[in-house]
Amino acid sequence: MTKNQKIFWLSFNTSFPIGFAFTTLALQDGRFEIPNDLIPVVVFSLIFAIVSFYLVKRYPNQVERLFK
């Protein structure tokens, strides 16, 4: 796996489950509506995804060691 593939998979694996769970919870009533108690979870997950993507771009050698 190349470095770009590792970056893609790390960002995909952190963002896809969060997005899937958020969409499933938001569509429970049949219309897209964000519950008020879900907003901090969404904000935290977005911040986590951005920070993890930045760390992978900034320190690729350490990330490669994690995947070995």
C-alpha atoms as a PDB file:
ATOM      1  CA  MET A   1       0.000   0.000   0.000  1.00  0.00           C
ATOM      2  CA  THR A   2       1.272   3.431  -0.857  1.00  0.00           C
ATOM      3  CA  LYS A   3       1.234   6.371   1.517  1.00  0.00           C
ATOM      4  CA  ASN A   4      -1.733   8.012  -0.229  1.00  0.00           C
ATOM      5  CA  GLN A   5      -3.758   4.802  -0.007  1.00  0.00           C
ATOM      6  CA  LYS A   6      -3.073   4.596   3.728  1.00  0.00           C
ATOM      7  CA  ILE A   7      -4.147   8.219   4.188  1.00  0.00           C
ATOM      8  CA  PHE A   8      -7.338   7.552   2.223  1.00  0.00           C
ATOM      9  CA  TRP A   9      -8.207   4.419   4.186  1.00  0.00           C
ATOM     10  CA  LEU A  10      -7.527   6.031   7.562  1.00  0.00           C
ATOM     11  CA  SER A  11      -9.701   9.044   6.755  1.00  0.00           C
ATOM     12  CA  PHE A  12     -12.383   6.825   5.166  1.00  0.00           C
ATOM     13  CA  ASN A  13     -12.458   4.442   8.122  1.00  0.00           C
ATOM     14  CA  THR A  14     -12.907   7.317  10.569  1.00  0.00           C
ATOM     15  CA  SER A  15     -15.466   9.304   8.568  1.00  0.00           C
ATOM     16  CA  PHE A  16     -17.661   6.620   6.955  1.00  0.00           C
ATOM     17  CA  PRO A  17     -18.991   4.944  10.140  1.00  0.00           C
ATOM     18  CA  ILE A  18     -19.626   8.345  11.706  1.00  0.00           C
ATOM     19  CA  GLY A  19     -21.506   9.551   8.631  1.00  0.00           C
ATOM     20  CA  PHE A  20     -23.443   6.302   8.335  1.00  0.00           C
ATOM     21  CA  ALA A  21     -24.523   6.372  11.993  1.00  0.00           C
ATOM     22  CA  PHE A  22     -25.410  10.059  11.799  1.00  0.00           C
ATOM     23  CA  THR A  23     -27.516   9.581   8.656  1.00  0.00           C
ATOM     24  CA  THR A  24     -29.263   6.539  10.133  1.00  0.00           C
ATOM     25  CA  LEU A  25     -30.121   8.410  13.320  1.00  0.00           C
ATOM     26  CA  ALA A  26     -31.244  11.505  11.422  1.00  0.00           C
ATOM     27  CA  LEU A  27     -33.526   9.543   9.083  1.00  0.00           C
ATOM     28  CA  GLN A  28     -35.296   7.528  11.783  1.00  0.00           C
ATOM     29  CA  ASP A  29     -38.506   9.576  11.573  1.00  0.00           C
ATOM     30  CA  GLY A  30     -38.528   9.536   7.769  1.00  0.00           C
ATOM     31  CA  ARG A  31     -37.289  13.091   7.389  1.00  0.00           C
ATOM     32  CA  PHE A  32     -33.798  14.480   7.766  1.00  0.00           C
ATOM     33  CA  GLU A  33     -33.722  16.231  11.133  1.00  0.00           C
ATOM     34  CA  ILE A  34     -30.770  16.606  13.482  1.00  0.00           C
ATOM     35  CA  PRO A  35     -31.647  15.971  17.131  1.00  0.00           C
ATOM     36  CA  ASN A  36     -30.197  18.554  19.505  1.00  0.00           C
ATOM     37  CA  ASP A  37     -28.306  15.983  21.561  1.00  0.00           C
ATOM     38  CA  LEU A  38     -26.593  14.663  18.409  1.00  0.00           C
ATOM     39  CA  ILE A  39     -24.993  17.983  17.419  1.00  0.00           C
ATOM     40  CA  PRO A  40     -22.017  17.748  19.878  1.00  0.00           C
ATOM     41  CA  VAL A  41     -21.329  14.196  18.665  1.00  0.00           C
ATOM     42  CA  VAL A  42     -21.263  15.345  15.036  1.00  0.00           C
ATOM     43  CA  VAL A  43     -19.018  18.321  15.831  1.00  0.00           C
ATOM     44  CA  PHE A  44     -16.609  16.167  17.839  1.00  0.00           C
ATOM     45  CA  SER A  45     -16.466  13.509  15.120  1.00  0.00           C
ATOM     46  CA  LEU A  46     -15.735  16.113  12.440  1.00  0.00           C
ATOM     47  CA  ILE A  47     -12.950  17.602  14.560  1.00  0.00           C
ATOM     48  CA  PHE A  48     -11.554  14.101  15.181  1.00  0.00           C
ATOM     49  CA  ALA A  49     -11.587  13.286  11.446  1.00  0.00           C
ATOM     50  CA  ILE A  50      -9.828  16.559  10.555  1.00  0.00           C
ATOM     51  CA  VAL A  51      -7.191  16.134  13.272  1.00  0.00           C
ATOM     52  CA  SER A  52      -6.513  12.517  12.324  1.00  0.00           C
ATOM     53  CA  PHE A  53      -6.151  13.451   8.648  1.00  0.00           C
ATOM     54  CA  TYR A  54      -3.728  16.258   9.593  1.00  0.00           C
ATOM     55  CA  LEU A  55      -1.635  13.927  11.766  1.00  0.00           C
ATOM     56  CA  VAL A  56      -1.420  11.368   8.954  1.00  0.00           C
ATOM     57  CA  LYS A  57      -0.283  14.040   6.504  1.00  0.00           C
ATOM     58  CA  ARG A  58       2.190  15.510   9.015  1.00  0.00           C
ATOM     59  CA  TYR A  59       3.709  12.274  10.367  1.00  0.00           C
ATOM     60  CA  PRO A  60       3.476   9.626   7.625  1.00  0.00           C
ATOM     61  CA  ASN A  61       6.399   7.523   8.946  1.00  0.00           C
ATOM     62  CA  GLN A  62       4.754   6.912  12.315  1.00  0.00           C
ATOM     63  CA  VAL A  63       1.490   5.975  10.586  1.00  0.00           C
ATOM     64  CA  GLU A  64       3.337   3.493   8.375  1.00  0.00           C
ATOM     65  CA  ARG A  65       4.664   1.800  11.506  1.00  0.00           C
ATOM     66  CA  LEU A  66       1.104   1.438  12.798  1.00  0.00           C
ATOM     67  CA  PHE A  67       0.000  -0.382   9.641  1.00  0.00           C
ATOM     68  CA  LYS A  68       2.907  -2.848   9.585  1.00  0.00           C
END
